[in-house]
Every structure is written in C-alpha cells, then in structure tokens.
C-alpha cells in the first residue's frame, strides 16, 4: 500500500488563518487585561509579585486621597510583613508629637524590586504625604526573590529538565512583565489620559483599618525555616552583596520614588533578633550605602535592629503584640530626634 504524502501547501492558508485568529485573541486579551490591571495569563503563569498586594495598596491610597485634607498631616509606612506586624497605627498616632495620622501600608515581600512593584500605585498617586517611612531589612540586598539559582532550584524540581529558558526563568519574566504592564497602565491612564486615581483604582471602604496584633509564642520551627531560606538567598555571604547591583538600583529607585511622594522620607532598619543580627555581614550595610550614594539627597536612616529584646519576637523579624506596641510608641520620637540633628 502506497504511503500518502500530505502536501503542506494545501494547509498553509488554514495555518495563516488560525495563527491570525490566535494573534488577534492574544492582542485583545493583553489589551483588556492591561486596562483592568491583570497580567495576561497566556504569557505569565507564576509570580513572586503579588498583584493582590498591589491592588490593596492602591485601593487604600485611593480612599485616603478621596478624603482630602480631612485626616490632617499624613505619615505613610511601606515595607514587608515585619513592618505590617511591627507597627500599630493607633500607637503611632498617640505617640506622634506632630499629630500626624499614620497609614501602615506594609504587606508581604522581601526584595526592593517587589516593593517597587507593590507600592507603584502609591508613587503614581500624587498623594502628598508629610512623612513616608521605608521599613526594610538590609539583607534584602543579598538575593532577589527571582532569578536566583538557589531559590529556583527549590521551586523547580531538581529532576525536571531545564532545557526551557522560559520555564526556568518564569518568575523573572513574570515580574518584569507584570511591573512593566503596571507602569504602562498608570502612565497611560493617570499621566496621559488624566483619569482620576479612583477611576483607575476603586477606593476601599476602610483605608485606616489596622490588623489586630497578637503576642504569640516564639515559633522555633518557623524561625529555623527563616534562617534556612535566608541562607539559600545568600544573606550570610559577604561576597554576595558585592554583586547586588540590580537590587541596589531597585532600592535607590524605591527611595527616589518615595521622595517624590512625601515631603520627608526616613529609612528604618526594622528590629531583628540577636541571632539574625549576629549572622548578618557588615557588607549588607555597605551595599545599602551604595544605594544611598546614588541619590542626590539621601534620606536619614534610623537603625532599630537592636531596639526590641528577643523575648518580644515571634520569629527572627516579626514582633508580637507587646513588641509592636513598644516599637510604635518609640518611633515617632526617634524620627523627631533625626529631624533635630539635621
């Protein structure tokens, strides 16, 4: 029986039609998701940059803008979960000698690049804050949450084939594309078309609502997991900080954006356990000084890493309720002291 040979030319037109239809669908998908602030699913499958955090920050900022000046002078905190757990707005309000109202926008994350994405809506909002606190850990400069071979090795099975660059670097591609889409959307809608901020990001009903704090016991298992994760991320390797140029640049970008958002910016090194402090190399601070050196007017740095005793921590960076109250009660005065020395 003779083998039938298929002539590819007969199907060329069909291939072109199908490809054209798929191309149009992809274009429509990207356009709609761009307008809605959602990353195209056909391109991006996973991310370390949480779009939910991005939207929650935006909705709270939108609601505060809608209130206008009724709230009085405003102080804003940005950072990760250690700042979310470590600051109590009511305690900050009560302790602030300048009678500012404090808005703690801190959420999850552990890289400056992630902060740049998460708080992008704040930086694009035009919000005129009196003070903006950037609550961080210098260890972030050691290793990013994406494009880090050690972390990628954890996330992708060691037995999985790595012939696909896109698969192996999917987190890197995702956060780059997601950040670019968010920046483009804000530039187009807010900057070029003049859409009001609350038209792009609907305001939440309770922007000032603060999460309740619980003391909690020291979680030895989780604390051990933290140290293992940070070791994978090279936090404890001095030489790794010398190669942190991308994260140093991201840190400088975040600070510069904050300086355009508030009259005054203060960087706060958040409390850390004595175990973590003893493990961190001096090169982490040196890397952060490189970030500050990129700025025309570097902000002051308030180092609170040793401000809270170990017994008030739940793990190496998260404070319990009593620790958060103590930190919140002391910080406005410490920031005022910084201002008096400048």
C-alpha atoms as a PDB file:
ATOM      1  CA  UNK A   1       0.000   0.000   0.000  1.00  0.00           C
ATOM      2  CA  UNK A   2       1.489   3.310  -1.084  1.00  0.00           C
ATOM      3  CA  UNK A   3       2.081   5.913   1.626  1.00  0.00           C
ATOM      4  CA  UNK A   4       0.037   9.042   1.140  1.00  0.00           C
ATOM      5  CA  UNK A   5       2.141  12.190   1.169  1.00  0.00           C
ATOM      6  CA  UNK A   6       0.497  15.311   2.625  1.00  0.00           C
ATOM      7  CA  UNK A   7       1.229  18.499   0.749  1.00  0.00           C
ATOM      8  CA  UNK A   8       1.906  21.222   3.353  1.00  0.00           C
ATOM      9  CA  UNK A   9       0.997  23.895   0.836  1.00  0.00           C
ATOM     10  CA  UNK A  10      -2.634  22.801   0.945  1.00  0.00           C
ATOM     11  CA  UNK A  11      -2.844  23.766   4.610  1.00  0.00           C
ATOM     12  CA  UNK A  12      -0.776  26.962   4.531  1.00  0.00           C
ATOM     13  CA  UNK A  13      -3.804  29.214   4.252  1.00  0.00           C
ATOM     14  CA  UNK A  14      -5.529  27.425   7.123  1.00  0.00           C
ATOM     15  CA  UNK A  15      -2.426  27.813   9.280  1.00  0.00           C
ATOM     16  CA  UNK A  16      -2.314  31.519   8.483  1.00  0.00           C
ATOM     17  CA  UNK A  17      -5.975  31.960   9.404  1.00  0.00           C
ATOM     18  CA  UNK A  18      -5.632  30.073  12.675  1.00  0.00           C
ATOM     19  CA  UNK A  19      -2.456  31.966  13.574  1.00  0.00           C
ATOM     20  CA  UNK A  20      -4.133  35.257  12.728  1.00  0.00           C
ATOM     21  CA  UNK A  21      -7.165  34.475  14.888  1.00  0.00           C
ATOM     22  CA  UNK A  22      -4.957  33.435  17.800  1.00  0.00           C
ATOM     23  CA  UNK A  23      -2.878  36.581  17.390  1.00  0.00           C
ATOM     24  CA  UNK A  24      -5.991  38.771  17.496  1.00  0.00           C
ATOM     25  CA  UNK A  25      -7.279  36.930  20.576  1.00  0.00           C
ATOM     26  CA  UNK A  26      -3.955  37.354  22.342  1.00  0.00           C
ATOM     27  CA  UNK A  27      -3.910  41.063  21.457  1.00  0.00           C
ATOM     28  CA  UNK A  28      -7.449  41.507  22.779  1.00  0.00           C
ATOM     29  CA  UNK A  29      -6.561  39.555  25.918  1.00  0.00           C
ATOM     30  CA  UNK A  30      -3.494  41.716  26.565  1.00  0.00           C
ATOM     31  CA  UNK A  31      -5.418  44.950  25.889  1.00  0.00           C
ATOM     32  CA  UNK A  32      -8.295  44.038  28.188  1.00  0.00           C
ATOM     33  CA  UNK A  33      -6.034  42.838  30.953  1.00  0.00           C
ATOM     34  CA  UNK A  34      -3.873  45.931  30.613  1.00  0.00           C
ATOM     35  CA  UNK A  35      -6.963  48.093  31.058  1.00  0.00           C
ATOM     36  CA  UNK A  36      -8.005  46.026  34.082  1.00  0.00           C
ATOM     37  CA  UNK A  37      -4.537  45.780  35.555  1.00  0.00           C
ATOM     38  CA  UNK A  38      -4.326  41.995  35.216  1.00  0.00           C
ATOM     39  CA  UNK A  39      -1.324  40.175  33.803  1.00  0.00           C
ATOM     40  CA  UNK A  40      -2.024  38.217  30.578  1.00  0.00           C
ATOM     41  CA  UNK A  41      -2.408  34.601  31.626  1.00  0.00           C
ATOM     42  CA  UNK A  42      -1.191  33.368  28.254  1.00  0.00           C
ATOM     43  CA  UNK A  43       2.204  34.870  28.991  1.00  0.00           C
ATOM     44  CA  UNK A  44       2.599  34.632  32.753  1.00  0.00           C
ATOM     45  CA  UNK A  45       1.926  31.613  34.910  1.00  0.00           C
ATOM     46  CA  UNK A  46       3.520  32.320  38.255  1.00  0.00           C
ATOM     47  CA  UNK A  47       4.912  35.265  40.139  1.00  0.00           C
ATOM     48  CA  UNK A  48       6.624  36.370  43.309  1.00  0.00           C
ATOM     49  CA  UNK A  49       4.984  39.772  42.835  1.00  0.00           C
ATOM     50  CA  UNK A  50       1.533  39.536  44.380  1.00  0.00           C
ATOM     51  CA  UNK A  51      -0.981  41.500  42.308  1.00  0.00           C
ATOM     52  CA  UNK A  52      -3.381  41.321  45.238  1.00  0.00           C
ATOM     53  CA  UNK A  53      -0.987  43.329  47.419  1.00  0.00           C
ATOM     54  CA  UNK A  54      -0.559  45.842  44.582  1.00  0.00           C
ATOM     55  CA  UNK A  55      -4.336  46.306  44.340  1.00  0.00           C
ATOM     56  CA  UNK A  56      -4.861  46.507  48.115  1.00  0.00           C
ATOM     57  CA  UNK A  57      -2.250  49.237  48.422  1.00  0.00           C
ATOM     58  CA  UNK A  58      -3.859  51.104  45.521  1.00  0.00           C
ATOM     59  CA  UNK A  59      -7.384  50.892  46.950  1.00  0.00           C
ATOM     60  CA  UNK A  60      -6.301  52.193  50.357  1.00  0.00           C
ATOM     61  CA  UNK A  61      -4.346  55.064  48.819  1.00  0.00           C
ATOM     62  CA  UNK A  62      -7.341  55.888  46.623  1.00  0.00           C
ATOM     63  CA  UNK A  63      -9.626  56.099  49.650  1.00  0.00           C
ATOM     64  CA  UNK A  64      -7.217  58.367  51.543  1.00  0.00           C
ATOM     65  CA  UNK A  65      -6.955  60.684  48.533  1.00  0.00           C
ATOM     66  CA  UNK A  66     -10.763  60.834  48.377  1.00  0.00           C
ATOM     67  CA  UNK A  67     -10.846  62.024  51.999  1.00  0.00           C
ATOM     68  CA  UNK A  68      -8.706  65.032  51.098  1.00  0.00           C
ATOM     69  CA  UNK A  69      -7.188  67.001  53.958  1.00  0.00           C
ATOM     70  CA  UNK A  70      -9.773  65.912  56.490  1.00  0.00           C
ATOM     71  CA  UNK A  71      -7.365  63.465  58.057  1.00  0.00           C
ATOM     72  CA  UNK A  72      -4.709  66.155  58.675  1.00  0.00           C
ATOM     73  CA  UNK A  73      -0.952  65.585  58.125  1.00  0.00           C
ATOM     74  CA  UNK A  74      -0.244  62.078  56.879  1.00  0.00           C
ATOM     75  CA  UNK A  75       2.568  59.637  57.654  1.00  0.00           C
ATOM     76  CA  UNK A  76       2.802  56.501  55.493  1.00  0.00           C
ATOM     77  CA  UNK A  77       4.710  53.273  56.162  1.00  0.00           C
ATOM     78  CA  UNK A  78       5.777  50.970  53.339  1.00  0.00           C
ATOM     79  CA  UNK A  79       7.584  47.684  53.784  1.00  0.00           C
ATOM     80  CA  UNK A  80       7.022  43.980  54.222  1.00  0.00           C
ATOM     81  CA  UNK A  81       5.329  41.748  56.773  1.00  0.00           C
ATOM     82  CA  UNK A  82       7.732  42.702  59.570  1.00  0.00           C
ATOM     83  CA  UNK A  83       6.523  46.310  59.259  1.00  0.00           C
ATOM     84  CA  UNK A  84       2.916  45.172  58.897  1.00  0.00           C
ATOM     85  CA  UNK A  85       3.201  43.262  62.192  1.00  0.00           C
ATOM     86  CA  UNK A  86       5.574  45.714  63.857  1.00  0.00           C
ATOM     87  CA  UNK A  87       3.615  48.967  63.735  1.00  0.00           C
ATOM     88  CA  UNK A  88       0.247  49.742  65.326  1.00  0.00           C
ATOM     89  CA  UNK A  89      -1.333  52.839  63.782  1.00  0.00           C
ATOM     90  CA  UNK A  90      -3.211  53.815  66.940  1.00  0.00           C
ATOM     91  CA  UNK A  91       0.008  53.709  68.997  1.00  0.00           C
ATOM     92  CA  UNK A  92       1.844  55.754  66.363  1.00  0.00           C
ATOM     93  CA  UNK A  93      -0.975  58.316  66.265  1.00  0.00           C
ATOM     94  CA  UNK A  94      -0.931  58.704  70.039  1.00  0.00           C
ATOM     95  CA  UNK A  95       2.863  58.977  70.307  1.00  0.00           C
ATOM     96  CA  UNK A  96       3.437  61.376  67.399  1.00  0.00           C
ATOM     97  CA  UNK A  97       4.276  64.886  68.730  1.00  0.00           C
ATOM     98  CA  UNK A  98       3.386  66.395  65.326  1.00  0.00           C
ATOM     99  CA  UNK A  99      -0.143  64.881  65.397  1.00  0.00           C
ATOM    100  CA  UNK A 100       0.180  63.105  62.068  1.00  0.00           C
ATOM    101  CA  UNK A 101      -2.201  60.301  61.203  1.00  0.00           C
ATOM    102  CA  UNK A 102      -0.355  57.086  60.377  1.00  0.00           C
ATOM    103  CA  UNK A 103      -1.229  54.803  57.480  1.00  0.00           C
ATOM    104  CA  UNK A 104       0.569  51.454  57.582  1.00  0.00           C
ATOM    105  CA  UNK A 105       0.539  50.089  54.015  1.00  0.00           C
ATOM    106  CA  UNK A 106       3.179  47.424  54.684  1.00  0.00           C
ATOM    107  CA  UNK A 107       2.359  43.989  53.333  1.00  0.00           C
ATOM    108  CA  UNK A 108       4.350  40.886  52.360  1.00  0.00           C
ATOM    109  CA  UNK A 109       7.568  40.657  50.392  1.00  0.00           C
ATOM    110  CA  UNK A 110      11.313  40.613  50.799  1.00  0.00           C
ATOM    111  CA  UNK A 111      13.006  42.493  47.995  1.00  0.00           C
ATOM    112  CA  UNK A 112      13.327  46.093  46.882  1.00  0.00           C
ATOM    113  CA  UNK A 113      12.163  45.167  43.416  1.00  0.00           C
ATOM    114  CA  UNK A 114       8.987  43.780  44.933  1.00  0.00           C
ATOM    115  CA  UNK A 115       8.499  46.978  46.928  1.00  0.00           C
ATOM    116  CA  UNK A 116       8.878  48.951  43.709  1.00  0.00           C
ATOM    117  CA  UNK A 117       6.010  46.956  42.169  1.00  0.00           C
ATOM    118  CA  UNK A 118       3.746  46.686  45.232  1.00  0.00           C
ATOM    119  CA  UNK A 119       3.864  50.393  46.077  1.00  0.00           C
ATOM    120  CA  UNK A 120       3.889  51.604  42.481  1.00  0.00           C
ATOM    121  CA  UNK A 121       0.300  52.916  42.800  1.00  0.00           C
ATOM    122  CA  UNK A 122       1.304  54.981  45.850  1.00  0.00           C
ATOM    123  CA  UNK A 123       4.221  56.506  43.952  1.00  0.00           C
ATOM    124  CA  UNK A 124       1.983  57.277  40.948  1.00  0.00           C
ATOM    125  CA  UNK A 125      -0.930  58.593  43.019  1.00  0.00           C
ATOM    126  CA  UNK A 126       0.127  62.170  43.648  1.00  0.00           C
ATOM    127  CA  UNK A 127      -0.577  61.656  47.349  1.00  0.00           C
ATOM    128  CA  UNK A 128       1.107  64.468  49.272  1.00  0.00           C
ATOM    129  CA  UNK A 129       2.286  62.769  52.461  1.00  0.00           C
ATOM    130  CA  UNK A 130       4.057  64.683  55.205  1.00  0.00           C
ATOM    131  CA  UNK A 131       6.282  61.701  56.016  1.00  0.00           C
ATOM    132  CA  UNK A 132       7.000  58.381  54.326  1.00  0.00           C
ATOM    133  CA  UNK A 133       8.785  55.618  56.255  1.00  0.00           C
ATOM    134  CA  UNK A 134      10.527  52.882  54.269  1.00  0.00           C
ATOM    135  CA  UNK A 135      10.764  49.956  56.699  1.00  0.00           C
ATOM    136  CA  UNK A 136      13.304  47.414  55.435  1.00  0.00           C
ATOM    137  CA  UNK A 137      15.974  44.827  56.189  1.00  0.00           C
ATOM    138  CA  UNK A 138      19.426  45.324  54.612  1.00  0.00           C
ATOM    139  CA  UNK A 139      19.584  41.575  53.980  1.00  0.00           C
ATOM    140  CA  UNK A 140      17.170  42.070  51.078  1.00  0.00           C
ATOM    141  CA  UNK A 141      20.143  43.291  49.058  1.00  0.00           C
ATOM    142  CA  UNK A 142      21.752  39.854  49.081  1.00  0.00           C
ATOM    143  CA  UNK A 143      19.368  37.870  46.924  1.00  0.00           C
ATOM    144  CA  UNK A 144      16.297  38.630  44.898  1.00  0.00           C
ATOM    145  CA  UNK A 145      13.158  36.521  45.005  1.00  0.00           C
ATOM    146  CA  UNK A 146      13.536  35.878  41.293  1.00  0.00           C
ATOM    147  CA  UNK A 147      16.389  34.858  39.036  1.00  0.00           C
ATOM    148  CA  UNK A 148      18.229  33.339  41.995  1.00  0.00           C
ATOM    149  CA  UNK A 149      19.503  29.854  41.043  1.00  0.00           C
ATOM    150  CA  UNK A 150      19.343  28.571  44.620  1.00  0.00           C
ATOM    151  CA  UNK A 151      15.715  29.583  45.047  1.00  0.00           C
ATOM    152  CA  UNK A 152      14.794  28.452  41.555  1.00  0.00           C
ATOM    153  CA  UNK A 153      16.260  25.083  42.488  1.00  0.00           C
ATOM    154  CA  UNK A 154      13.810  24.885  45.380  1.00  0.00           C
ATOM    155  CA  UNK A 155      10.826  25.935  43.279  1.00  0.00           C
ATOM    156  CA  UNK A 156      11.605  23.722  40.297  1.00  0.00           C
ATOM    157  CA  UNK A 157      12.228  20.067  40.903  1.00  0.00           C
ATOM    158  CA  UNK A 158      15.902  19.151  40.592  1.00  0.00           C
ATOM    159  CA  UNK A 159      14.877  16.236  38.383  1.00  0.00           C
ATOM    160  CA  UNK A 160      12.895  18.417  35.970  1.00  0.00           C
ATOM    161  CA  UNK A 161      14.501  19.181  32.617  1.00  0.00           C
ATOM    162  CA  UNK A 162      15.928  22.681  32.370  1.00  0.00           C
ATOM    163  CA  UNK A 163      16.141  22.946  28.613  1.00  0.00           C
ATOM    164  CA  UNK A 164      13.440  25.627  28.568  1.00  0.00           C
ATOM    165  CA  UNK A 165      14.819  29.065  29.424  1.00  0.00           C
ATOM    166  CA  UNK A 166      11.274  30.393  29.790  1.00  0.00           C
ATOM    167  CA  UNK A 167      10.302  27.662  32.260  1.00  0.00           C
ATOM    168  CA  UNK A 168      13.434  28.041  34.354  1.00  0.00           C
ATOM    169  CA  UNK A 169      13.193  31.859  34.382  1.00  0.00           C
ATOM    170  CA  UNK A 170       9.409  32.124  34.523  1.00  0.00           C
ATOM    171  CA  UNK A 171       9.435  34.086  37.783  1.00  0.00           C
ATOM    172  CA  UNK A 172      11.931  36.579  36.362  1.00  0.00           C
ATOM    173  CA  UNK A 173       9.906  37.018  33.149  1.00  0.00           C
ATOM    174  CA  UNK A 174       6.688  37.282  35.126  1.00  0.00           C
ATOM    175  CA  UNK A 175       7.717  40.039  37.491  1.00  0.00           C
ATOM    176  CA  UNK A 176       9.430  42.027  34.741  1.00  0.00           C
ATOM    177  CA  UNK A 177       6.359  41.879  32.521  1.00  0.00           C
ATOM    178  CA  UNK A 178       3.927  42.475  35.366  1.00  0.00           C
ATOM    179  CA  UNK A 179       5.862  45.526  36.566  1.00  0.00           C
ATOM    180  CA  UNK A 180       6.122  46.878  33.027  1.00  0.00           C
ATOM    181  CA  UNK A 181       2.378  46.451  32.451  1.00  0.00           C
ATOM    182  CA  UNK A 182       1.534  48.156  35.747  1.00  0.00           C
ATOM    183  CA  UNK A 183       3.861  51.070  34.965  1.00  0.00           C
ATOM    184  CA  UNK A 184       2.459  51.410  31.449  1.00  0.00           C
ATOM    185  CA  UNK A 185      -1.125  51.336  32.672  1.00  0.00           C
ATOM    186  CA  UNK A 186      -0.502  54.033  35.273  1.00  0.00           C
ATOM    187  CA  UNK A 187       1.480  56.185  32.824  1.00  0.00           C
ATOM    188  CA  UNK A 188      -1.243  55.938  30.174  1.00  0.00           C
ATOM    189  CA  UNK A 189      -4.347  56.320  32.328  1.00  0.00           C
ATOM    190  CA  UNK A 190      -3.089  58.688  35.024  1.00  0.00           C
ATOM    191  CA  UNK A 191      -0.421  60.617  33.186  1.00  0.00           C
ATOM    192  CA  UNK A 192      -1.627  60.824  29.582  1.00  0.00           C
ATOM    193  CA  UNK A 193      -5.405  60.444  29.715  1.00  0.00           C
ATOM    194  CA  UNK A 194      -5.921  62.243  33.020  1.00  0.00           C
ATOM    195  CA  UNK A 195      -8.134  59.555  34.536  1.00  0.00           C
ATOM    196  CA  UNK A 196      -8.719  60.255  38.259  1.00  0.00           C
ATOM    197  CA  UNK A 197      -6.864  57.917  40.581  1.00  0.00           C
ATOM    198  CA  UNK A 198     -10.102  56.477  41.969  1.00  0.00           C
ATOM    199  CA  UNK A 199     -11.196  55.783  38.395  1.00  0.00           C
ATOM    200  CA  UNK A 200      -8.181  53.544  37.914  1.00  0.00           C
ATOM    201  CA  UNK A 201      -8.137  52.078  41.431  1.00  0.00           C
ATOM    202  CA  UNK A 202     -11.530  51.980  43.224  1.00  0.00           C
ATOM    203  CA  UNK A 203     -11.167  53.058  46.868  1.00  0.00           C
ATOM    204  CA  UNK A 204     -11.647  50.671  49.744  1.00  0.00           C
ATOM    205  CA  UNK A 205     -14.223  51.423  52.423  1.00  0.00           C
ATOM    206  CA  UNK A 206     -11.863  51.278  55.402  1.00  0.00           C
ATOM    207  CA  UNK A 207      -8.428  52.580  54.427  1.00  0.00           C
ATOM    208  CA  UNK A 208      -7.329  53.199  58.024  1.00  0.00           C
ATOM    209  CA  UNK A 209      -8.291  49.808  59.388  1.00  0.00           C
ATOM    210  CA  UNK A 210      -5.379  48.171  61.187  1.00  0.00           C
ATOM    211  CA  UNK A 211      -4.995  44.415  61.573  1.00  0.00           C
ATOM    212  CA  UNK A 212      -5.172  43.161  65.173  1.00  0.00           C
ATOM    213  CA  UNK A 213      -1.880  42.089  66.744  1.00  0.00           C
ATOM    214  CA  UNK A 214      -1.369  39.009  68.879  1.00  0.00           C
ATOM    215  CA  UNK A 215       1.592  38.246  71.085  1.00  0.00           C
ATOM    216  CA  UNK A 216       2.141  34.644  70.064  1.00  0.00           C
ATOM    217  CA  UNK A 217       4.908  32.410  71.341  1.00  0.00           C
ATOM    218  CA  UNK A 218       8.318  32.077  69.755  1.00  0.00           C
ATOM    219  CA  UNK A 219       7.902  29.695  66.818  1.00  0.00           C
ATOM    220  CA  UNK A 220      11.170  27.774  66.766  1.00  0.00           C
ATOM    221  CA  UNK A 221      10.231  25.703  63.709  1.00  0.00           C
ATOM    222  CA  UNK A 222       9.354  28.719  61.595  1.00  0.00           C
ATOM    223  CA  UNK A 223      12.407  30.635  62.841  1.00  0.00           C
ATOM    224  CA  UNK A 224      14.655  27.761  61.754  1.00  0.00           C
ATOM    225  CA  UNK A 225      12.938  27.754  58.345  1.00  0.00           C
ATOM    226  CA  UNK A 226      13.589  31.503  58.043  1.00  0.00           C
ATOM    227  CA  UNK A 227      17.316  31.074  58.627  1.00  0.00           C
ATOM    228  CA  UNK A 228      17.460  28.252  56.091  1.00  0.00           C
ATOM    229  CA  UNK A 229      15.638  30.348  53.480  1.00  0.00           C
ATOM    230  CA  UNK A 230      17.892  33.354  54.053  1.00  0.00           C
ATOM    231  CA  UNK A 231      20.928  31.135  53.777  1.00  0.00           C
ATOM    232  CA  UNK A 232      19.650  29.981  50.366  1.00  0.00           C
ATOM    233  CA  UNK A 233      19.229  33.641  49.437  1.00  0.00           C
ATOM    234  CA  UNK A 234      22.885  34.357  50.355  1.00  0.00           C
ATOM    235  CA  UNK A 235      22.042  36.727  53.235  1.00  0.00           C
ATOM    236  CA  UNK A 236      25.043  35.494  55.207  1.00  0.00           C
ATOM    237  CA  UNK A 237      27.653  35.510  52.412  1.00  0.00           C
ATOM    238  CA  UNK A 238      29.660  38.774  52.410  1.00  0.00           C
ATOM    239  CA  UNK A 239      30.815  38.418  48.802  1.00  0.00           C
ATOM    240  CA  UNK A 240      27.241  38.120  47.536  1.00  0.00           C
ATOM    241  CA  UNK A 241      26.459  41.728  48.473  1.00  0.00           C
ATOM    242  CA  UNK A 242      29.180  42.954  46.123  1.00  0.00           C
ATOM    243  CA  UNK A 243      27.161  41.503  43.228  1.00  0.00           C
ATOM    244  CA  UNK A 244      23.870  43.071  44.284  1.00  0.00           C
ATOM    245  CA  UNK A 245      23.857  45.853  41.679  1.00  0.00           C
ATOM    246  CA  UNK A 246      20.304  45.198  40.452  1.00  0.00           C
ATOM    247  CA  UNK A 247      18.842  45.187  43.937  1.00  0.00           C
ATOM    248  CA  UNK A 248      20.922  48.235  44.910  1.00  0.00           C
ATOM    249  CA  UNK A 249      19.449  50.028  41.900  1.00  0.00           C
ATOM    250  CA  UNK A 250      15.923  48.932  42.896  1.00  0.00           C
ATOM    251  CA  UNK A 251      16.484  50.223  46.448  1.00  0.00           C
ATOM    252  CA  UNK A 252      17.590  53.597  45.095  1.00  0.00           C
ATOM    253  CA  UNK A 253      14.549  53.677  42.784  1.00  0.00           C
ATOM    254  CA  UNK A 254      12.161  52.994  45.688  1.00  0.00           C
ATOM    255  CA  UNK A 255      13.709  55.738  47.822  1.00  0.00           C
ATOM    256  CA  UNK A 256      13.667  58.237  44.941  1.00  0.00           C
ATOM    257  CA  UNK A 257      10.009  57.449  44.236  1.00  0.00           C
ATOM    258  CA  UNK A 258       9.215  57.895  47.929  1.00  0.00           C
ATOM    259  CA  UNK A 259      10.938  61.277  47.934  1.00  0.00           C
ATOM    260  CA  UNK A 260       8.646  62.382  45.106  1.00  0.00           C
ATOM    261  CA  UNK A 261       5.623  61.237  47.134  1.00  0.00           C
ATOM    262  CA  UNK A 262       6.325  62.780  50.541  1.00  0.00           C
ATOM    263  CA  UNK A 263       7.816  65.958  51.959  1.00  0.00           C
ATOM    264  CA  UNK A 264      10.148  63.853  54.083  1.00  0.00           C
ATOM    265  CA  UNK A 265      11.435  60.276  53.836  1.00  0.00           C
ATOM    266  CA  UNK A 266      13.055  58.201  56.569  1.00  0.00           C
ATOM    267  CA  UNK A 267      14.522  54.728  56.084  1.00  0.00           C
ATOM    268  CA  UNK A 268      14.022  52.458  59.086  1.00  0.00           C
ATOM    269  CA  UNK A 269      16.021  49.278  59.596  1.00  0.00           C
ATOM    270  CA  UNK A 270      13.439  47.061  61.253  1.00  0.00           C
ATOM    271  CA  UNK A 271      14.073  45.132  64.503  1.00  0.00           C
ATOM    272  CA  UNK A 272      15.793  41.767  64.129  1.00  0.00           C
ATOM    273  CA  UNK A 273      16.569  39.024  66.612  1.00  0.00           C
ATOM    274  CA  UNK A 274      20.053  38.900  68.095  1.00  0.00           C
ATOM    275  CA  UNK A 275      20.636  35.634  66.203  1.00  0.00           C
ATOM    276  CA  UNK A 276      19.895  37.230  62.854  1.00  0.00           C
ATOM    277  CA  UNK A 277      21.913  40.350  63.632  1.00  0.00           C
ATOM    278  CA  UNK A 278      24.963  38.291  64.556  1.00  0.00           C
ATOM    279  CA  UNK A 279      24.712  36.307  61.310  1.00  0.00           C
ATOM    280  CA  UNK A 280      24.479  39.335  59.000  1.00  0.00           C
ATOM    281  CA  UNK A 281      27.774  40.534  57.485  1.00  0.00           C
ATOM    282  CA  UNK A 282      28.792  44.205  57.515  1.00  0.00           C
ATOM    283  CA  UNK A 283      28.709  44.095  53.724  1.00  0.00           C
ATOM    284  CA  UNK A 284      24.892  44.289  53.853  1.00  0.00           C
ATOM    285  CA  UNK A 285      25.080  47.796  55.317  1.00  0.00           C
ATOM    286  CA  UNK A 286      27.782  48.700  52.800  1.00  0.00           C
ATOM    287  CA  UNK A 287      25.531  47.630  49.938  1.00  0.00           C
ATOM    288  CA  UNK A 288      22.738  49.821  51.254  1.00  0.00           C
ATOM    289  CA  UNK A 289      25.128  52.762  51.482  1.00  0.00           C
ATOM    290  CA  UNK A 290      25.833  52.210  47.781  1.00  0.00           C
ATOM    291  CA  UNK A 291      22.105  52.605  47.135  1.00  0.00           C
ATOM    292  CA  UNK A 292      22.015  55.845  49.138  1.00  0.00           C
ATOM    293  CA  UNK A 293      25.045  57.129  47.232  1.00  0.00           C
ATOM    294  CA  UNK A 294      23.018  57.003  44.012  1.00  0.00           C
ATOM    295  CA  UNK A 295      20.649  59.674  45.344  1.00  0.00           C
ATOM    296  CA  UNK A 296      21.126  63.420  45.124  1.00  0.00           C
ATOM    297  CA  UNK A 297      19.776  63.867  48.672  1.00  0.00           C
ATOM    298  CA  UNK A 298      19.941  60.597  50.650  1.00  0.00           C
ATOM    299  CA  UNK A 299      17.332  60.316  53.428  1.00  0.00           C
ATOM    300  CA  UNK A 300      18.292  59.679  57.054  1.00  0.00           C
ATOM    301  CA  UNK A 301      18.447  56.089  58.291  1.00  0.00           C
ATOM    302  CA  UNK A 302      17.002  55.090  61.653  1.00  0.00           C
ATOM    303  CA  UNK A 303      18.567  51.805  62.780  1.00  0.00           C
ATOM    304  CA  UNK A 304      16.132  49.955  65.069  1.00  0.00           C
ATOM    305  CA  UNK A 305      17.530  46.463  64.535  1.00  0.00           C
ATOM    306  CA  UNK A 306      18.507  46.120  68.204  1.00  0.00           C
ATOM    307  CA  UNK A 307      15.637  48.174  69.628  1.00  0.00           C
ATOM    308  CA  UNK A 308      13.434  45.267  70.759  1.00  0.00           C
ATOM    309  CA  UNK A 309      14.546  42.376  73.040  1.00  0.00           C
ATOM    310  CA  UNK A 310      14.354  38.833  71.725  1.00  0.00           C
ATOM    311  CA  UNK A 311      11.545  37.801  74.072  1.00  0.00           C
ATOM    312  CA  UNK A 312       9.128  40.130  72.230  1.00  0.00           C
ATOM    313  CA  UNK A 313       9.676  38.461  68.834  1.00  0.00           C
ATOM    314  CA  UNK A 314       7.543  35.682  67.334  1.00  0.00           C
ATOM    315  CA  UNK A 315      10.405  34.746  64.995  1.00  0.00           C
ATOM    316  CA  UNK A 316      13.573  36.453  63.767  1.00  0.00           C
ATOM    317  CA  UNK A 317      11.838  39.527  62.270  1.00  0.00           C
ATOM    318  CA  UNK A 318       8.153  39.509  63.318  1.00  0.00           C
ATOM    319  CA  UNK A 319       7.120  41.133  66.589  1.00  0.00           C
ATOM    320  CA  UNK A 320       4.355  40.019  68.895  1.00  0.00           C
ATOM    321  CA  UNK A 321       1.725  42.422  70.159  1.00  0.00           C
ATOM    322  CA  UNK A 322       3.785  43.836  73.043  1.00  0.00           C
ATOM    323  CA  UNK A 323       6.812  44.259  70.814  1.00  0.00           C
ATOM    324  CA  UNK A 324       4.743  46.085  68.191  1.00  0.00           C
ATOM    325  CA  UNK A 325       3.322  48.413  70.846  1.00  0.00           C
ATOM    326  CA  UNK A 326       6.802  49.209  72.154  1.00  0.00           C
ATOM    327  CA  UNK A 327       8.203  49.850  68.671  1.00  0.00           C
ATOM    328  CA  UNK A 328       5.232  52.005  67.679  1.00  0.00           C
ATOM    329  CA  UNK A 329       5.410  54.071  70.865  1.00  0.00           C
ATOM    330  CA  UNK A 330       9.106  54.852  70.407  1.00  0.00           C
ATOM    331  CA  UNK A 331       9.353  55.514  66.675  1.00  0.00           C
ATOM    332  CA  UNK A 332       7.760  58.989  66.311  1.00  0.00           C
ATOM    333  CA  UNK A 333      10.141  60.397  68.942  1.00  0.00           C
ATOM    334  CA  UNK A 334      13.126  58.695  67.297  1.00  0.00           C
ATOM    335  CA  UNK A 335      12.158  60.196  63.947  1.00  0.00           C
ATOM    336  CA  UNK A 336      11.779  63.612  65.589  1.00  0.00           C
ATOM    337  CA  UNK A 337      15.305  63.237  67.012  1.00  0.00           C
ATOM    338  CA  UNK A 338      16.611  62.583  63.495  1.00  0.00           C
ATOM    339  CA  UNK A 339      14.991  65.796  62.294  1.00  0.00           C
ATOM    340  CA  UNK A 340      16.536  67.821  65.119  1.00  0.00           C
ATOM    341  CA  UNK A 341      20.040  66.611  64.190  1.00  0.00           C
ATOM    342  CA  UNK A 342      19.776  67.594  60.508  1.00  0.00           C
END
